Protein backbone atom coordinates (compact mmCIF):
# COMPACT_ATOMS: atom_id res chain seq x y z
CA MET A 1 115.31 201.45 -137.66
CA THR A 2 116.08 204.47 -139.85
CA HIS A 3 119.62 204.99 -141.11
CA PRO A 4 120.92 208.03 -143.00
CA PRO A 5 122.43 207.31 -146.43
CA LEU A 6 126.00 206.03 -146.33
CA HIS A 7 128.32 206.78 -149.25
CA ILE A 8 131.77 205.18 -149.19
CA GLY A 9 134.45 206.19 -151.64
CA ILE A 10 137.34 203.84 -152.42
CA LEU A 11 140.28 205.84 -153.73
CA LEU A 12 142.23 203.65 -156.14
CA VAL A 13 145.88 204.49 -156.78
CA PRO A 14 146.76 201.36 -158.77
CA PRO A 15 148.14 198.87 -158.68
CA ILE A 16 146.70 198.22 -155.24
CA GLN A 17 147.04 195.24 -152.92
CA LEU A 18 143.78 193.31 -153.31
CA LEU A 19 143.79 192.22 -149.66
CA ASP A 20 143.91 195.88 -148.62
CA LEU A 21 140.51 196.31 -150.25
CA ALA A 22 138.92 193.29 -148.53
CA PRO A 23 137.53 195.23 -145.52
CA ILE A 24 135.08 197.04 -147.82
CA ASP A 25 132.99 193.87 -147.71
CA LEU A 26 132.27 194.50 -144.03
CA PHE A 27 130.44 197.67 -145.11
CA ALA A 28 128.62 195.81 -147.89
CA MET A 29 127.46 193.24 -145.34
CA LEU A 30 125.50 195.96 -143.53
CA SER A 31 122.86 195.88 -146.28
CA HIS A 32 119.33 194.56 -145.95
CA SER A 33 119.76 192.29 -148.96
CA TYR A 34 122.78 190.61 -147.37
CA PHE A 35 121.00 190.10 -144.04
CA SER A 36 118.00 188.73 -145.94
CA ALA A 37 120.15 186.34 -148.00
CA CYS A 38 121.60 185.03 -144.75
CA ASN A 39 118.05 184.32 -143.47
CA LEU A 40 118.56 186.42 -140.36
CA PRO A 41 115.54 186.89 -138.07
CA ALA A 42 113.28 189.91 -138.35
CA PRO A 43 114.73 191.85 -135.38
CA LEU A 44 118.16 191.80 -137.05
CA LEU A 45 116.73 192.53 -140.51
CA ALA A 46 115.18 195.65 -139.06
CA LEU A 47 118.66 196.94 -138.15
CA ALA A 48 120.20 196.53 -141.61
CA LEU A 49 120.85 199.43 -143.97
CA PRO A 50 118.36 199.68 -146.86
CA ASP A 51 120.14 198.80 -150.09
CA ALA A 52 119.23 202.15 -151.62
CA SER A 53 120.95 204.04 -148.79
CA LEU A 54 124.31 202.23 -149.11
CA LYS A 55 126.53 203.33 -151.98
CA ILE A 56 130.15 202.36 -152.73
CA SER A 57 132.08 204.30 -155.38
CA TYR A 58 135.42 203.17 -156.83
CA ILE A 59 137.29 206.35 -157.65
CA ALA A 60 140.41 206.92 -159.77
CA HIS A 61 141.90 210.01 -161.39
CA THR A 62 141.02 208.85 -164.91
CA GLY A 63 137.36 208.09 -164.24
CA PRO A 64 135.12 205.34 -165.61
CA SER A 65 134.96 206.34 -169.27
CA THR A 66 138.57 207.13 -170.08
CA THR A 67 141.72 205.08 -170.31
CA SER A 68 143.12 204.22 -166.90
CA ALA A 69 146.68 203.17 -166.86
CA PHE A 70 149.09 202.39 -164.30
CA PRO A 71 152.00 200.61 -165.98
CA GLU A 72 154.24 198.41 -163.90
CA SER A 73 157.21 200.42 -165.17
CA THR A 74 155.94 203.59 -163.49
CA THR A 75 158.59 205.33 -161.39
CA SER A 76 158.86 208.56 -159.46
CA ASN A 77 160.29 210.15 -162.63
CA THR A 78 157.34 209.21 -164.84
CA PRO A 79 155.53 212.32 -166.16
CA GLU A 80 151.86 212.62 -165.23
CA SER A 81 150.96 212.60 -168.93
CA ASP A 82 152.46 209.12 -169.27
CA LEU A 83 150.29 207.68 -166.51
CA ALA A 84 147.16 207.56 -168.67
CA LEU A 85 147.97 204.44 -170.67
CA GLY A 86 146.35 201.05 -170.24
CA PRO A 87 143.04 199.20 -170.04
CA PRO A 88 140.00 201.50 -170.16
CA ALA A 89 138.15 202.09 -166.88
CA LEU A 90 139.99 199.35 -165.05
CA ALA A 91 142.41 199.60 -162.15
CA PRO A 92 144.87 196.69 -161.73
CA THR A 93 145.68 194.95 -158.48
CA THR A 94 148.67 192.92 -157.34
CA ALA A 95 146.53 189.79 -157.70
CA HIS A 96 146.02 190.48 -161.44
CA LEU A 97 142.35 191.27 -160.94
CA ASN A 98 141.17 194.48 -162.60
CA LEU A 99 138.69 196.61 -160.69
CA GLU A 100 136.04 198.66 -162.44
CA ILE A 101 136.36 202.39 -161.84
CA THR A 102 132.95 203.97 -161.25
CA ALA A 103 133.86 207.61 -160.66
CA ALA A 104 136.49 210.19 -161.53
CA LEU A 105 138.01 212.58 -159.01
CA THR A 106 135.95 215.36 -160.62
CA ASP A 107 132.58 213.59 -160.59
CA PRO A 108 130.01 215.66 -158.65
CA ALA A 109 128.70 212.50 -156.95
CA VAL A 110 132.01 212.05 -155.11
CA ALA A 111 132.77 215.74 -154.51
CA PRO A 112 133.63 216.91 -150.97
CA GLY A 113 130.53 216.76 -148.82
CA HIS A 114 129.09 213.82 -150.80
CA LEU A 115 131.18 211.07 -149.20
CA ASP A 116 130.84 209.88 -145.62
CA ILE A 117 133.90 207.62 -145.68
CA LEU A 118 137.02 207.67 -147.85
CA LEU A 119 138.93 204.38 -147.82
CA ILE A 120 142.41 204.22 -149.36
CA PRO A 121 143.84 200.73 -149.97
CA GLY A 122 147.59 200.47 -150.45
CA PRO A 123 149.45 201.12 -153.70
CA LEU A 124 153.10 200.25 -154.25
CA PRO A 125 155.16 202.26 -151.73
CA ASP A 126 157.32 203.90 -154.42
CA LEU A 127 154.44 204.82 -156.72
CA PRO A 128 154.27 208.57 -157.43
CA ILE A 129 151.10 210.18 -156.09
CA LEU A 130 149.60 212.73 -158.46
CA GLU A 131 148.87 216.17 -157.05
CA VAL A 132 145.24 215.93 -158.20
CA VAL A 133 144.88 212.83 -156.04
CA CYS A 134 146.44 214.59 -153.04
CA GLU A 135 144.13 217.57 -153.51
CA PHE A 136 141.12 215.24 -153.64
CA VAL A 137 142.13 213.76 -150.28
CA ARG A 138 142.79 217.19 -148.74
CA GLN A 139 139.41 218.53 -149.81
CA HIS A 140 137.53 215.55 -148.41
CA VAL A 141 139.33 215.60 -145.07
CA GLY A 142 138.66 219.34 -144.93
CA ALA A 143 134.97 218.62 -145.52
CA GLY A 144 134.90 216.24 -142.54
CA VAL A 145 134.96 212.83 -144.21
CA ASP A 146 136.09 209.86 -142.13
CA LEU A 147 139.41 208.83 -143.67
CA LEU A 148 140.54 205.19 -143.44
CA THR A 149 143.86 204.05 -144.89
CA VAL A 150 144.98 200.44 -145.14
CA CYS A 151 148.65 199.42 -145.30
CA THR A 152 150.56 201.59 -147.79
CA GLY A 153 147.44 203.63 -148.44
CA VAL A 154 148.91 205.78 -145.68
CA PHE A 155 151.52 207.04 -148.18
CA VAL A 156 148.72 208.74 -150.13
CA ALA A 157 147.32 210.45 -147.03
CA ALA A 158 150.77 211.47 -145.82
CA GLN A 159 151.72 212.86 -149.23
CA ALA A 160 148.51 214.90 -149.17
CA GLY A 161 149.59 216.41 -145.84
CA VAL A 162 146.40 215.43 -143.99
CA LEU A 163 148.33 213.45 -141.38
CA ASP A 164 150.61 216.31 -140.33
CA GLY A 165 150.52 216.67 -136.55
CA ARG A 166 148.42 213.52 -136.19
CA ARG A 167 149.19 210.09 -134.80
CA ALA A 168 149.33 207.51 -137.56
CA THR A 169 150.73 204.10 -138.40
CA GLY A 170 151.66 202.05 -141.43
CA PRO A 171 153.24 198.70 -142.32
CA ARG A 172 155.88 197.91 -139.72
CA GLY A 173 158.55 197.26 -142.33
CA VAL A 174 158.29 200.77 -143.81
CA VAL A 175 157.57 202.94 -140.77
CA GLY A 176 161.22 204.04 -140.88
CA VAL A 177 160.73 205.23 -144.46
CA LEU A 178 157.52 207.00 -143.46
CA ARG A 179 159.29 208.80 -140.60
CA GLU A 180 162.03 209.89 -142.98
CA ARG A 181 159.71 211.17 -145.70
CA PHE A 182 156.93 212.61 -143.55
CA GLY A 183 158.53 214.02 -140.42
CA SER A 184 155.50 216.13 -139.45
CA VAL A 185 153.46 213.01 -138.71
CA VAL A 186 153.57 211.35 -135.28
CA TRP A 187 154.32 207.77 -136.35
CA VAL A 188 153.55 205.01 -133.85
CA ASP A 189 154.00 201.24 -133.92
CA ARG A 190 150.40 200.06 -133.74
CA ARG A 191 148.14 197.63 -135.57
CA TRP A 192 145.78 200.55 -136.21
CA VAL A 193 145.42 204.11 -134.94
CA ARG A 194 142.46 206.43 -134.59
CA ASP A 195 143.38 210.09 -134.33
CA GLY A 196 140.74 212.23 -132.67
CA GLU A 197 137.00 211.71 -132.67
CA GLY A 198 136.06 209.76 -135.79
CA GLY A 199 138.27 211.57 -138.24
CA VAL A 200 141.39 209.78 -139.39
CA TRP A 201 142.10 206.06 -139.06
CA THR A 202 145.27 204.36 -140.30
CA SER A 203 146.29 200.71 -140.19
CA GLY A 204 149.46 198.66 -140.37
CA GLY A 205 150.14 196.09 -143.06
CA ILE A 206 147.38 194.41 -145.09
CA THR A 207 145.27 192.26 -142.72
CA ASN A 208 145.44 194.87 -139.96
CA GLY A 209 142.98 196.80 -142.10
CA MET A 210 140.30 194.25 -141.24
CA ASP A 211 140.83 194.87 -137.51
CA MET A 212 140.67 198.62 -138.07
CA VAL A 213 137.50 198.57 -140.19
CA ALA A 214 135.75 196.17 -137.80
CA THR A 215 136.62 198.53 -134.94
CA TYR A 216 135.40 201.46 -137.01
CA LEU A 217 132.09 199.66 -137.63
CA ARG A 218 131.58 199.34 -133.90
CA TYR A 219 132.34 203.05 -133.53
CA ARG A 220 129.95 204.14 -136.29
CA PHE A 221 127.20 201.52 -135.74
CA PRO A 222 127.46 200.56 -132.07
CA GLY A 223 125.39 197.59 -130.98
CA ALA A 224 123.79 194.61 -132.67
CA LEU A 225 124.20 195.77 -136.31
CA SER A 226 128.00 195.93 -136.31
CA ASP A 227 128.30 192.98 -133.94
CA THR A 228 126.21 190.85 -136.32
CA VAL A 229 128.38 191.73 -139.32
CA ILE A 230 131.60 191.07 -137.40
CA LYS A 231 130.23 187.76 -136.11
CA MET A 232 129.12 186.62 -139.57
CA ALA A 233 132.48 187.59 -141.06
CA GLU A 234 134.22 185.75 -138.21
CA VAL A 235 136.55 188.68 -137.60
CA GLU A 236 138.37 188.24 -134.31
CA ILE A 237 139.41 191.86 -133.70
CA ARG A 238 142.98 192.01 -132.52
CA PRO A 239 144.03 194.80 -130.13
CA GLU A 240 145.49 198.08 -131.31
CA GLN A 241 148.79 197.25 -129.65
CA TYR A 242 150.91 194.54 -131.30
CA GLU A 243 151.63 191.50 -129.15
CA GLN A 244 155.12 191.17 -130.65
CA ARG A 245 157.59 193.98 -130.12
CA LYS A 246 158.98 195.56 -133.28
CA PRO A 247 162.64 194.45 -132.74
CA VAL A 248 161.42 190.84 -132.54
CA PHE A 249 159.28 191.36 -135.64
CA MET A 250 162.23 192.77 -137.60
CA ALA A 251 164.56 190.05 -136.32
CA SER A 252 162.20 187.45 -137.76
CA PHE A 253 162.81 188.95 -141.20
CA VAL A 254 166.57 188.74 -140.71
CA TRP A 255 166.12 185.08 -139.81
CA LEU A 256 164.10 184.48 -143.00
CA VAL A 257 166.84 186.10 -145.08
CA PHE A 258 169.45 183.91 -143.39
CA LYS A 259 167.41 180.75 -144.03
CA ALA A 260 166.96 181.71 -147.69
CA TRP A 261 170.72 182.34 -148.00
CA VAL A 262 171.54 178.92 -146.49
CA ALA A 263 168.99 177.24 -148.77
CA GLY A 264 170.63 178.94 -151.75
CA LEU A 265 174.05 177.64 -150.73
CA VAL A 266 172.68 174.11 -150.42
CA ARG A 267 170.99 174.29 -153.83
CA GLY A 268 174.18 175.66 -155.37
CA GLY A 269 176.24 172.83 -153.89
CA LYS A 270 173.88 170.18 -155.21
CA SER A 271 173.93 171.75 -158.69
CA LYS A 272 177.73 171.60 -158.76
CA GLU A 273 177.69 167.92 -157.71
CA LYS A 274 175.30 167.07 -160.54
CA ALA A 275 177.39 169.01 -163.05
CA SER A 276 180.54 167.10 -162.07
């Protein structure tokens, strides 16, 4: 079976949540070398993407050969010039694993029209998004790329303005913040949302990205190829609609806060007894 080349760009706005990036492995599992390593039978091997036709680029504004820095002290008041300090060509994650940057925003290989998919894993919600990053996203969406955001990656897309007038979702705990900051977006409480044909896909918090990308695989590669990858990865795709209503979800957080408060009182009482 012949497949056209597939080029996926991962837009890194560090530090990112490592779990948000995990769904990229579902794309990597489409490759012939992966199917071969799993000793799959010839009919399935024939469906896999040739290794040479599958490319994944890890993109950041500093590029692979300059210093990439995203200090933990970064705030919304940090000047853009101060954001270029840190380990060269590496983008940090919340799990303290540094990711190698393979392309800059200006690299011709990842210019608009050269990516098929742009995946944005989540940065910290209060991290300032540089205008050059927003412009990169706008140009690619304008060129017809399929945009996929995971968790707080939706902040990048919303800041770029590419979600205006579209249905979108984000982590349930910050949807209120998203509505406040980006009022032109139609925010909905869903595990994942697809707006229009192909186009723009957004997911809720962290692991919901796996459901979204698995669903996207079935959309882009319908049939045995995507089904094989999803089966091997043991992804049980959950429905778009949450089973638990949002008030119940938020109430569970209040309960956790209450339990932590009670536990603190108990610990404090025991400490006083020991001191006396």
